[in-house]
Amino acid sequence: MIEIHLYGRLRKYAPQGEEYGSKSIIRLEGQENETLEMLLKRIGIKSDDLFTIFVNSKLLTTHNSMARWLEYQQVCENCNAWNLDVVINDGDRIGLFGIDMAALVI
């Protein structure tokens, strides 16, 4: 199971219903060799709507030019390269911050 936590305006993509409560989380089964880019297409989120992405609490990519000085634990070597070709596996937890949440991940 993959957990995708949505922040800001991206919360509109979260499923509605009592079992989800007020949490903005998508839970779904991973697919073999599925990249983050493929996963985003599957759930209908455009990469243009994203500002920062974390995978398992580590920074994967961001449009924030200050990221290298913020000392986040990182998945990426160059987090401003915006590479979504990373394979996502069952058990992964993804945090998606939209462009409206740019200042909150500093």
PDB file of N, CA and C in Angstrom:
ATOM      1  N   MET A   1       0.841  -1.169   0.000  1.00  0.00           N
ATOM      2  CA  MET A   1       0.000   0.000   0.000  1.00  0.00           C
ATOM      3  C   MET A   1       0.895   1.244   0.000  1.00  0.00           C
ATOM      4  N   ILE A   2       0.579   2.188  -0.850  1.00  0.00           N
ATOM      5  CA  ILE A   2       1.291   3.465  -0.929  1.00  0.00           C
ATOM      6  C   ILE A   2       0.397   4.529  -0.311  1.00  0.00           C
ATOM      7  N   GLU A   3       0.974   5.392   0.508  1.00  0.00           N
ATOM      8  CA  GLU A   3       0.240   6.514   1.089  1.00  0.00           C
ATOM      9  C   GLU A   3       0.718   7.802   0.455  1.00  0.00           C
ATOM     10  N   ILE A   4      -0.220   8.587  -0.052  1.00  0.00           N
ATOM     11  CA  ILE A   4       0.106   9.874  -0.653  1.00  0.00           C
ATOM     12  C   ILE A   4      -0.583  10.949   0.180  1.00  0.00           C
ATOM     13  N   HIS A   5       0.206  11.779   0.844  1.00  0.00           N
ATOM     14  CA  HIS A   5      -0.320  12.854   1.684  1.00  0.00           C
ATOM     15  C   HIS A   5      -0.357  14.138   0.854  1.00  0.00           C
ATOM     16  N   LEU A   6      -1.516  14.747   0.814  1.00  0.00           N
ATOM     17  CA  LEU A   6      -1.744  15.919  -0.025  1.00  0.00           C
ATOM     18  C   LEU A   6      -1.862  17.173   0.834  1.00  0.00           C
ATOM     19  N   TYR A   7      -1.229  18.243   0.383  1.00  0.00           N
ATOM     20  CA  TYR A   7      -1.235  19.498   1.127  1.00  0.00           C
ATOM     21  C   TYR A   7      -1.698  20.641   0.224  1.00  0.00           C
ATOM     22  N   GLY A   8      -2.344  21.607   0.837  1.00  0.00           N
ATOM     23  CA  GLY A   8      -2.825  22.771   0.092  1.00  0.00           C
ATOM     24  C   GLY A   8      -3.964  22.392  -0.836  1.00  0.00           C
ATOM     25  N   ARG A   9      -4.003  23.028  -1.976  1.00  0.00           N
ATOM     26  CA  ARG A   9      -5.075  22.791  -2.944  1.00  0.00           C
ATOM     27  C   ARG A   9      -5.084  21.377  -3.503  1.00  0.00           C
ATOM     28  N   LEU A  10      -4.008  20.660  -3.311  1.00  0.00           N
ATOM     29  CA  LEU A  10      -3.957  19.273  -3.785  1.00  0.00           C
ATOM     30  C   LEU A  10      -4.916  18.375  -3.004  1.00  0.00           C
ATOM     31  N   ARG A  11      -5.405  18.847  -1.855  1.00  0.00           N
ATOM     32  CA  ARG A  11      -6.335  18.045  -1.053  1.00  0.00           C
ATOM     33  C   ARG A  11      -7.606  17.694  -1.819  1.00  0.00           C
ATOM     34  N   LYS A  12      -7.911  18.449  -2.855  1.00  0.00           N
ATOM     35  CA  LYS A  12      -9.123  18.155  -3.634  1.00  0.00           C
ATOM     36  C   LYS A  12      -9.048  16.781  -4.309  1.00  0.00           C
ATOM     37  N   TYR A  13      -7.861  16.212  -4.429  1.00  0.00           N
ATOM     38  CA  TYR A  13      -7.701  14.895  -5.043  1.00  0.00           C
ATOM     39  C   TYR A  13      -7.923  13.747  -4.053  1.00  0.00           C
ATOM     40  N   ALA A  14      -8.041  14.062  -2.770  1.00  0.00           N
ATOM     41  CA  ALA A  14      -8.225  13.029  -1.750  1.00  0.00           C
ATOM     42  C   ALA A  14      -9.634  12.458  -1.830  1.00  0.00           C
ATOM     43  N   PRO A  15      -9.766  11.164  -1.553  1.00  0.00           N
ATOM     44  CA  PRO A  15     -11.105  10.564  -1.551  1.00  0.00           C
ATOM     45  C   PRO A  15     -11.944  11.128  -0.410  1.00  0.00           C
ATOM     46  N   GLN A  16     -13.221  11.175  -0.633  1.00  0.00           N
ATOM     47  CA  GLN A  16     -14.145  11.666   0.382  1.00  0.00           C
ATOM     48  C   GLN A  16     -14.849  10.472   1.020  1.00  0.00           C
ATOM     49  N   GLY A  17     -15.374  10.679   2.207  1.00  0.00           N
ATOM     50  CA  GLY A  17     -16.122   9.608   2.860  1.00  0.00           C
ATOM     51  C   GLY A  17     -15.730   9.473   4.306  1.00  0.00           C
ATOM     52  N   GLU A  18     -16.579   8.828   5.059  1.00  0.00           N
ATOM     53  CA  GLU A  18     -16.380   8.696   6.494  1.00  0.00           C
ATOM     54  C   GLU A  18     -15.092   7.976   6.858  1.00  0.00           C
ATOM     55  N   GLU A  19     -14.740   6.930   6.092  1.00  0.00           N
ATOM     56  CA  GLU A  19     -13.556   6.151   6.468  1.00  0.00           C
ATOM     57  C   GLU A  19     -12.263   6.946   6.338  1.00  0.00           C
ATOM     58  N   TYR A  20     -12.296   8.058   5.621  1.00  0.00           N
ATOM     59  CA  TYR A  20     -11.102   8.880   5.445  1.00  0.00           C
ATOM     60  C   TYR A  20     -11.059  10.051   6.415  1.00  0.00           C
ATOM     61  N   GLY A  21     -12.175  10.405   6.993  1.00  0.00           N
ATOM     62  CA  GLY A  21     -12.209  11.527   7.920  1.00  0.00           C
ATOM     63  C   GLY A  21     -11.767  12.804   7.236  1.00  0.00           C
ATOM     64  N   SER A  22     -11.034  13.629   7.940  1.00  0.00           N
ATOM     65  CA  SER A  22     -10.591  14.908   7.381  1.00  0.00           C
ATOM     66  C   SER A  22      -9.172  14.835   6.830  1.00  0.00           C
ATOM     67  N   LYS A  23      -8.596  13.649   6.816  1.00  0.00           N
ATOM     68  CA  LYS A  23      -7.226  13.502   6.326  1.00  0.00           C
ATOM     69  C   LYS A  23      -7.196  13.569   4.811  1.00  0.00           C
ATOM     70  N   SER A  24      -6.188  14.200   4.299  1.00  0.00           N
ATOM     71  CA  SER A  24      -6.020  14.322   2.847  1.00  0.00           C
ATOM     72  C   SER A  24      -4.981  13.314   2.382  1.00  0.00           C
ATOM     73  N   ILE A  25      -5.390  12.062   2.411  1.00  0.00           N
ATOM     74  CA  ILE A  25      -4.484  10.959   2.102  1.00  0.00           C
ATOM     75  C   ILE A  25      -5.128  10.053   1.056  1.00  0.00           C
ATOM     76  N   ILE A  26      -4.328   9.674   0.077  1.00  0.00           N
ATOM     77  CA  ILE A  26      -4.746   8.664  -0.885  1.00  0.00           C
ATOM     78  C   ILE A  26      -3.958   7.399  -0.557  1.00  0.00           C
ATOM     79  N   ARG A  27      -4.657   6.294  -0.409  1.00  0.00           N
ATOM     80  CA  ARG A  27      -4.014   4.998  -0.190  1.00  0.00           C
ATOM     81  C   ARG A  27      -4.352   4.114  -1.379  1.00  0.00           C
ATOM     82  N   LEU A  28      -3.322   3.536  -1.983  1.00  0.00           N
ATOM     83  CA  LEU A  28      -3.569   2.651  -3.114  1.00  0.00           C
ATOM     84  C   LEU A  28      -2.461   1.632  -3.254  1.00  0.00           C
ATOM     85  N   GLU A  29      -2.785   0.583  -3.961  1.00  0.00           N
ATOM     86  CA  GLU A  29      -1.808  -0.480  -4.218  1.00  0.00           C
ATOM     87  C   GLU A  29      -0.810  -0.008  -5.268  1.00  0.00           C
ATOM     88  N   GLY A  30       0.442  -0.299  -5.029  1.00  0.00           N
ATOM     89  CA  GLY A  30       1.471   0.027  -6.013  1.00  0.00           C
ATOM     90  C   GLY A  30       1.423  -0.936  -7.187  1.00  0.00           C
ATOM     91  N   GLN A  31       1.975  -0.492  -8.284  1.00  0.00           N
ATOM     92  CA  GLN A  31       2.082  -1.342  -9.465  1.00  0.00           C
ATOM     93  C   GLN A  31       3.562  -1.593  -9.734  1.00  0.00           C
ATOM     94  N   GLU A  32       3.859  -2.750 -10.249  1.00  0.00           N
ATOM     95  CA  GLU A  32       5.252  -3.129 -10.477  1.00  0.00           C
ATOM     96  C   GLU A  32       5.966  -2.124 -11.379  1.00  0.00           C
ATOM     97  N   ASN A  33       7.147  -1.686 -10.938  1.00  0.00           N
ATOM     98  CA  ASN A  33       8.002  -0.743 -11.670  1.00  0.00           C
ATOM     99  C   ASN A  33       7.319   0.593 -11.984  1.00  0.00           C
ATOM    100  N   GLU A  34       6.361   0.978 -11.167  1.00  0.00           N
ATOM    101  CA  GLU A  34       5.664   2.250 -11.384  1.00  0.00           C
ATOM    102  C   GLU A  34       6.519   3.398 -10.849  1.00  0.00           C
ATOM    103  N   THR A  35       6.746   4.386 -11.700  1.00  0.00           N
ATOM    104  CA  THR A  35       7.505   5.560 -11.284  1.00  0.00           C
ATOM    105  C   THR A  35       6.557   6.576 -10.657  1.00  0.00           C
ATOM    106  N   LEU A  36       7.133   7.561  -9.991  1.00  0.00           N
ATOM    107  CA  LEU A  36       6.317   8.621  -9.408  1.00  0.00           C
ATOM    108  C   LEU A  36       5.532   9.348 -10.497  1.00  0.00           C
ATOM    109  N   GLU A  37       6.156   9.575 -11.631  1.00  0.00           N
ATOM    110  CA  GLU A  37       5.463  10.239 -12.740  1.00  0.00           C
ATOM    111  C   GLU A  37       4.237   9.436 -13.182  1.00  0.00           C
ATOM    112  N   MET A  38       4.380   8.125 -13.284  1.00  0.00           N
ATOM    113  CA  MET A  38       3.263   7.257 -13.660  1.00  0.00           C
ATOM    114  C   MET A  38       2.171   7.273 -12.593  1.00  0.00           C
ATOM    115  N   LEU A  39       2.573   7.263 -11.340  1.00  0.00           N
ATOM    116  CA  LEU A  39       1.628   7.287 -10.227  1.00  0.00           C
ATOM    117  C   LEU A  39       0.814   8.584 -10.232  1.00  0.00           C
ATOM    118  N   LEU A  40       1.499   9.696 -10.449  1.00  0.00           N
ATOM    119  CA  LEU A  40       0.799  10.988 -10.490  1.00  0.00           C
ATOM    120  C   LEU A  40      -0.227  11.012 -11.625  1.00  0.00           C
ATOM    121  N   LYS A  41       0.133  10.481 -12.767  1.00  0.00           N
ATOM    122  CA  LYS A  41      -0.824  10.407 -13.886  1.00  0.00           C
ATOM    123  C   LYS A  41      -2.013   9.534 -13.519  1.00  0.00           C
ATOM    124  N   ARG A  42      -1.742   8.438 -12.821  1.00  0.00           N
ATOM    125  CA  ARG A  42      -2.809   7.507 -12.442  1.00  0.00           C
ATOM    126  C   ARG A  42      -3.827   8.163 -11.513  1.00  0.00           C
ATOM    127  N   ILE A  43      -3.368   9.043 -10.623  1.00  0.00           N
ATOM    128  CA  ILE A  43      -4.302   9.688  -9.699  1.00  0.00           C
ATOM    129  C   ILE A  43      -4.769  11.049 -10.196  1.00  0.00           C
ATOM    130  N   GLY A  44      -4.255  11.479 -11.347  1.00  0.00           N
ATOM    131  CA  GLY A  44      -4.760  12.696 -11.976  1.00  0.00           C
ATOM    132  C   GLY A  44      -4.144  13.994 -11.512  1.00  0.00           C
ATOM    133  N   ILE A  45      -2.945  13.951 -10.939  1.00  0.00           N
ATOM    134  CA  ILE A  45      -2.265  15.169 -10.486  1.00  0.00           C
ATOM    135  C   ILE A  45      -1.191  15.538 -11.506  1.00  0.00           C
ATOM    136  N   LYS A  46      -1.237  16.773 -11.970  1.00  0.00           N
ATOM    137  CA  LYS A  46      -0.248  17.261 -12.937  1.00  0.00           C
ATOM    138  C   LYS A  46       0.998  17.742 -12.200  1.00  0.00           C
ATOM    139  N   SER A  47       2.153  17.432 -12.745  1.00  0.00           N
ATOM    140  CA  SER A  47       3.397  17.858 -12.096  1.00  0.00           C
ATOM    141  C   SER A  47       3.517  19.385 -12.064  1.00  0.00           C
ATOM    142  N   ASP A  48       2.836  20.071 -12.971  1.00  0.00           N
ATOM    143  CA  ASP A  48       2.848  21.543 -12.961  1.00  0.00           C
ATOM    144  C   ASP A  48       2.195  22.119 -11.708  1.00  0.00           C
ATOM    145  N   ASP A  49       1.354  21.329 -11.036  1.00  0.00           N
ATOM    146  CA  ASP A  49       0.671  21.783  -9.826  1.00  0.00           C
ATOM    147  C   ASP A  49       1.493  21.553  -8.566  1.00  0.00           C
ATOM    148  N   LEU A  50       2.671  20.933  -8.715  1.00  0.00           N
ATOM    149  CA  LEU A  50       3.496  20.565  -7.558  1.00  0.00           C
ATOM    150  C   LEU A  50       4.663  21.522  -7.386  1.00  0.00           C
ATOM    151  N   PHE A  51       5.036  21.732  -6.125  1.00  0.00           N
ATOM    152  CA  PHE A  51       6.195  22.564  -5.810  1.00  0.00           C
ATOM    153  C   PHE A  51       7.298  21.747  -5.138  1.00  0.00           C
ATOM    154  N   THR A  52       6.901  20.870  -4.214  1.00  0.00           N
ATOM    155  CA  THR A  52       7.876  20.068  -3.475  1.00  0.00           C
ATOM    156  C   THR A  52       7.314  18.671  -3.258  1.00  0.00           C
ATOM    157  N   ILE A  53       8.196  17.666  -3.366  1.00  0.00           N
ATOM    158  CA  ILE A  53       7.798  16.273  -3.170  1.00  0.00           C
ATOM    159  C   ILE A  53       8.767  15.608  -2.192  1.00  0.00           C
ATOM    160  N   PHE A  54       8.191  14.947  -1.192  1.00  0.00           N
ATOM    161  CA  PHE A  54       8.965  14.137  -0.250  1.00  0.00           C
ATOM    162  C   PHE A  54       8.587  12.671  -0.447  1.00  0.00           C
ATOM    163  N   VAL A  55       9.568  11.775  -0.331  1.00  0.00           N
ATOM    164  CA  VAL A  55       9.329  10.334  -0.349  1.00  0.00           C
ATOM    165  C   VAL A  55       9.933   9.771   0.926  1.00  0.00           C
ATOM    166  N   ASN A  56       9.097   9.118   1.720  1.00  0.00           N
ATOM    167  CA  ASN A  56       9.531   8.538   3.001  1.00  0.00           C
ATOM    168  C   ASN A  56      10.246   9.576   3.863  1.00  0.00           C
ATOM    169  N   SER A  57       9.652  10.763   3.937  1.00  0.00           N
ATOM    170  CA  SER A  57      10.134  11.887   4.761  1.00  0.00           C
ATOM    171  C   SER A  57      11.460  12.480   4.299  1.00  0.00           C
ATOM    172  N   LYS A  58      11.881  12.150   3.096  1.00  0.00           N
ATOM    173  CA  LYS A  58      13.108  12.718   2.538  1.00  0.00           C
ATOM    174  C   LYS A  58      12.767  13.503   1.281  1.00  0.00           C
ATOM    175  N   LEU A  59      13.444  14.620   1.102  1.00  0.00           N
ATOM    176  CA  LEU A  59      13.195  15.473  -0.049  1.00  0.00           C
ATOM    177  C   LEU A  59      13.578  14.759  -1.341  1.00  0.00           C
ATOM    178  N   LEU A  60      12.622  14.683  -2.255  1.00  0.00           N
ATOM    179  CA  LEU A  60      12.891  14.103  -3.568  1.00  0.00           C
ATOM    180  C   LEU A  60      13.184  15.201  -4.581  1.00  0.00           C
ATOM    181  N   THR A  61      12.332  16.208  -4.633  1.00  0.00           N
ATOM    182  CA  THR A  61      12.525  17.286  -5.593  1.00  0.00           C
ATOM    183  C   THR A  61      11.720  18.509  -5.176  1.00  0.00           C
ATOM    184  N   THR A  62      12.189  19.671  -5.612  1.00  0.00           N
ATOM    185  CA  THR A  62      11.519  20.916  -5.274  1.00  0.00           C
ATOM    186  C   THR A  62      11.881  22.002  -6.283  1.00  0.00           C
ATOM    187  N   HIS A  63      11.028  22.982  -6.370  1.00  0.00           N
ATOM    188  CA  HIS A  63      11.330  24.170  -7.170  1.00  0.00           C
ATOM    189  C   HIS A  63      11.954  25.259  -6.287  1.00  0.00           C
ATOM    190  N   ASN A  64      12.158  24.966  -5.020  1.00  0.00           N
ATOM    191  CA  ASN A  64      12.724  25.906  -4.069  1.00  0.00           C
ATOM    192  C   ASN A  64      14.246  25.969  -4.248  1.00  0.00           C
ATOM    193  N   SER A  65      14.751  27.107  -4.668  1.00  0.00           N
ATOM    194  CA  SER A  65      16.191  27.245  -4.903  1.00  0.00           C
ATOM    195  C   SER A  65      17.008  27.244  -3.608  1.00  0.00           C
ATOM    196  N   MET A  66      16.346  27.365  -2.463  1.00  0.00           N
ATOM    197  CA  MET A  66      17.039  27.366  -1.171  1.00  0.00           C
ATOM    198  C   MET A  66      17.192  25.961  -0.582  1.00  0.00           C
ATOM    199  N   ALA A  67      16.667  24.959  -1.251  1.00  0.00           N
ATOM    200  CA  ALA A  67      16.608  23.603  -0.688  1.00  0.00           C
ATOM    201  C   ALA A  67      17.963  23.081  -0.224  1.00  0.00           C
ATOM    202  N   ARG A  68      19.018  23.361  -0.969  1.00  0.00           N
ATOM    203  CA  ARG A  68      20.320  22.795  -0.584  1.00  0.00           C
ATOM    204  C   ARG A  68      20.854  23.359   0.721  1.00  0.00           C
ATOM    205  N   TRP A  69      20.346  24.507   1.144  1.00  0.00           N
ATOM    206  CA  TRP A  69      20.797  25.102   2.406  1.00  0.00           C
ATOM    207  C   TRP A  69      19.873  24.758   3.569  1.00  0.00           C
ATOM    208  N   LEU A  70      18.763  24.104   3.316  1.00  0.00           N
ATOM    209  CA  LEU A  70      17.790  23.827   4.364  1.00  0.00           C
ATOM    210  C   LEU A  70      18.083  22.548   5.133  1.00  0.00           C
ATOM    211  N   GLU A  71      19.038  21.779   4.667  1.00  0.00           N
ATOM    212  CA  GLU A  71      19.519  20.573   5.343  1.00  0.00           C
ATOM    213  C   GLU A  71      18.445  19.510   5.540  1.00  0.00           C
ATOM    214  N   TYR A  72      17.539  19.392   4.576  1.00  0.00           N
ATOM    215  CA  TYR A  72      16.596  18.276   4.588  1.00  0.00           C
ATOM    216  C   TYR A  72      17.359  16.987   4.325  1.00  0.00           C
ATOM    217  N   GLN A  73      16.891  15.873   4.888  1.00  0.00           N
ATOM    218  CA  GLN A  73      17.383  14.586   4.424  1.00  0.00           C
ATOM    219  C   GLN A  73      16.884  14.451   2.995  1.00  0.00           C
ATOM    220  N   GLN A  74      17.732  13.961   2.110  1.00  0.00           N
ATOM    221  CA  GLN A  74      17.387  13.986   0.697  1.00  0.00           C
ATOM    222  C   GLN A  74      17.488  12.618   0.044  1.00  0.00           C
ATOM    223  N   VAL A  75      16.588  12.386  -0.912  1.00  0.00           N
ATOM    224  CA  VAL A  75      16.659  11.226  -1.790  1.00  0.00           C
ATOM    225  C   VAL A  75      17.526  11.592  -2.990  1.00  0.00           C
ATOM    226  N   CYS A  76      17.474  12.853  -3.357  1.00  0.00           N
ATOM    227  CA  CYS A  76      18.074  13.357  -4.598  1.00  0.00           C
ATOM    228  C   CYS A  76      19.498  13.861  -4.395  1.00  0.00           C
ATOM    229  N   GLU A  77      20.249  13.873  -5.476  1.00  0.00           N
ATOM    230  CA  GLU A  77      21.562  14.517  -5.455  1.00  0.00           C
ATOM    231  C   GLU A  77      21.392  15.999  -5.772  1.00  0.00           C
ATOM    232  N   ASN A  78      20.608  16.292  -6.804  1.00  0.00           N
ATOM    233  CA  ASN A  78      20.260  17.667  -7.157  1.00  0.00           C
ATOM    234  C   ASN A  78      18.741  17.771  -7.092  1.00  0.00           C
ATOM    235  N   CYS A  79      18.233  18.255  -5.986  1.00  0.00           N
ATOM    236  CA  CYS A  79      16.792  18.260  -5.748  1.00  0.00           C
ATOM    237  C   CYS A  79      16.033  19.266  -6.611  1.00  0.00           C
ATOM    238  N   ASN A  80      16.730  20.142  -7.301  1.00  0.00           N
ATOM    239  CA  ASN A  80      16.063  21.080  -8.199  1.00  0.00           C
ATOM    240  C   ASN A  80      15.952  20.535  -9.618  1.00  0.00           C
ATOM    241  N   ALA A  81      16.446  19.321  -9.860  1.00  0.00           N
ATOM    242  CA  ALA A  81      16.425  18.744 -11.207  1.00  0.00           C
ATOM    243  C   ALA A  81      15.033  18.283 -11.631  1.00  0.00           C
ATOM    244  N   TRP A  82      14.125  18.096 -10.675  1.00  0.00           N
ATOM    245  CA  TRP A  82      12.734  17.712 -10.917  1.00  0.00           C
ATOM    246  C   TRP A  82      12.647  16.407 -11.707  1.00  0.00           C
ATOM    247  N   ASN A  83      13.255  15.366 -11.151  1.00  0.00           N
ATOM    248  CA  ASN A  83      13.239  14.036 -11.761  1.00  0.00           C
ATOM    249  C   ASN A  83      12.164  13.198 -11.076  1.00  0.00           C
ATOM    250  N   LEU A  84      11.117  12.832 -11.814  1.00  0.00           N
ATOM    251  CA  LEU A  84      10.023  12.028 -11.277  1.00  0.00           C
ATOM    252  C   LEU A  84      10.105  10.577 -11.749  1.00  0.00           C
ATOM    253  N   ASP A  85      11.264  10.180 -12.219  1.00  0.00           N
ATOM    254  CA  ASP A  85      11.488   8.837 -12.741  1.00  0.00           C
ATOM    255  C   ASP A  85      11.891   7.855 -11.647  1.00  0.00           C
ATOM    256  N   VAL A  86      11.534   8.134 -10.429  1.00  0.00           N
ATOM    257  CA  VAL A  86      11.871   7.298  -9.281  1.00  0.00           C
ATOM    258  C   VAL A  86      10.800   6.224  -9.116  1.00  0.00           C
ATOM    259  N   VAL A  87      11.209   4.968  -8.955  1.00  0.00           N
ATOM    260  CA  VAL A  87      10.254   3.876  -8.765  1.00  0.00           C
ATOM    261  C   VAL A  87       9.671   3.960  -7.356  1.00  0.00           C
ATOM    262  N   ILE A  88       8.343   3.865  -7.282  1.00  0.00           N
ATOM    263  CA  ILE A  88       7.621   3.912  -6.014  1.00  0.00           C
ATOM    264  C   ILE A  88       7.199   2.489  -5.658  1.00  0.00           C
ATOM    265  N   ASN A  89       7.399   2.110  -4.399  1.00  0.00           N
ATOM    266  CA  ASN A  89       7.126   0.743  -3.950  1.00  0.00           C
ATOM    267  C   ASN A  89       6.054   0.716  -2.875  1.00  0.00           C
ATOM    268  N   ASP A  90       5.408  -0.448  -2.712  1.00  0.00           N
ATOM    269  CA  ASP A  90       4.474  -0.614  -1.605  1.00  0.00           C
ATOM    270  C   ASP A  90       5.197  -0.265  -0.307  1.00  0.00           C
ATOM    271  N   GLY A  91       4.507   0.436   0.570  1.00  0.00           N
ATOM    272  CA  GLY A  91       5.096   0.862   1.832  1.00  0.00           C
ATOM    273  C   GLY A  91       5.653   2.276   1.789  1.00  0.00           C
ATOM    274  N   ASP A  92       5.799   2.836   0.595  1.00  0.00           N
ATOM    275  CA  ASP A  92       6.305   4.204   0.483  1.00  0.00           C
ATOM    276  C   ASP A  92       5.240   5.206   0.905  1.00  0.00           C
ATOM    277  N   ARG A  93       5.714   6.283   1.477  1.00  0.00           N
ATOM    278  CA  ARG A  93       4.855   7.391   1.886  1.00  0.00           C
ATOM    279  C   ARG A  93       5.327   8.633   1.135  1.00  0.00           C
ATOM    280  N   ILE A  94       4.413   9.256   0.408  1.00  0.00           N
ATOM    281  CA  ILE A  94       4.748  10.395  -0.440  1.00  0.00           C
ATOM    282  C   ILE A  94       4.039  11.632   0.092  1.00  0.00           C
ATOM    283  N   GLY A  95       4.761  12.739   0.176  1.00  0.00           N
ATOM    284  CA  GLY A  95       4.178  14.024   0.555  1.00  0.00           C
ATOM    285  C   GLY A  95       4.228  14.963  -0.640  1.00  0.00           C
ATOM    286  N   LEU A  96       3.070  15.440  -1.060  1.00  0.00           N
ATOM    287  CA  LEU A  96       2.976  16.347  -2.203  1.00  0.00           C
ATOM    288  C   LEU A  96       2.530  17.724  -1.736  1.00  0.00           C
ATOM    289  N   PHE A  97       3.346  18.712  -1.995  1.00  0.00           N
ATOM    290  CA  PHE A  97       3.028  20.095  -1.666  1.00  0.00           C
ATOM    291  C   PHE A  97       2.807  20.847  -2.972  1.00  0.00           C
ATOM    292  N   GLY A  98       1.655  21.483  -3.080  1.00  0.00           N
ATOM    293  CA  GLY A  98       1.327  22.236  -4.272  1.00  0.00           C
ATOM    294  C   GLY A  98       2.024  23.584  -4.319  1.00  0.00           C
ATOM    295  N   ILE A  99       1.867  24.253  -5.434  1.00  0.00           N
ATOM    296  CA  ILE A  99       2.509  25.555  -5.608  1.00  0.00           C
ATOM    297  C   ILE A  99       1.974  26.587  -4.625  1.00  0.00           C
ATOM    298  N   ASP A 100       0.785  26.370  -4.091  1.00  0.00           N
ATOM    299  CA  ASP A 100       0.225  27.282  -3.090  1.00  0.00           C
ATOM    300  C   ASP A 100       0.831  27.052  -1.712  1.00  0.00           C
ATOM    301  N   MET A 101       1.637  26.012  -1.539  1.00  0.00           N
ATOM    302  CA  MET A 101       2.240  25.679  -0.249  1.00  0.00           C
ATOM    303  C   MET A 101       3.759  25.872  -0.259  1.00  0.00           C
ATOM    304  N   ALA A 102       4.263  26.608  -1.212  1.00  0.00           N
ATOM    305  CA  ALA A 102       5.716  26.751  -1.382  1.00  0.00           C
ATOM    306  C   ALA A 102       6.417  27.272  -0.139  1.00  0.00           C
ATOM    307  N   ALA A 103       5.865  28.250   0.526  1.00  0.00           N
ATOM    308  CA  ALA A 103       6.532  28.870   1.669  1.00  0.00           C
ATOM    309  C   ALA A 103       6.527  27.982   2.896  1.00  0.00           C
ATOM    310  N   LEU A 104       5.655  26.975   2.964  1.00  0.00           N
ATOM    311  CA  LEU A 104       5.544  26.154   4.154  1.00  0.00           C
ATOM    312  C   LEU A 104       6.566  25.034   4.253  1.00  0.00           C
ATOM    313  N   VAL A 105       7.314  24.789   3.200  1.00  0.00           N
ATOM    314  CA  VAL A 105       8.304  23.718   3.250  1.00  0.00           C
ATOM    315  C   VAL A 105       9.720  24.265   3.358  1.00  0.00           C
ATOM    316  N   ILE A 106       9.832  25.502   3.747  1.00  0.00           N
ATOM    317  CA  ILE A 106      11.154  26.112   3.879  1.00  0.00           C
ATOM    318  C   ILE A 106      11.760  25.771   5.202  1.00  0.00           C
TER     319      ILE A 106
END
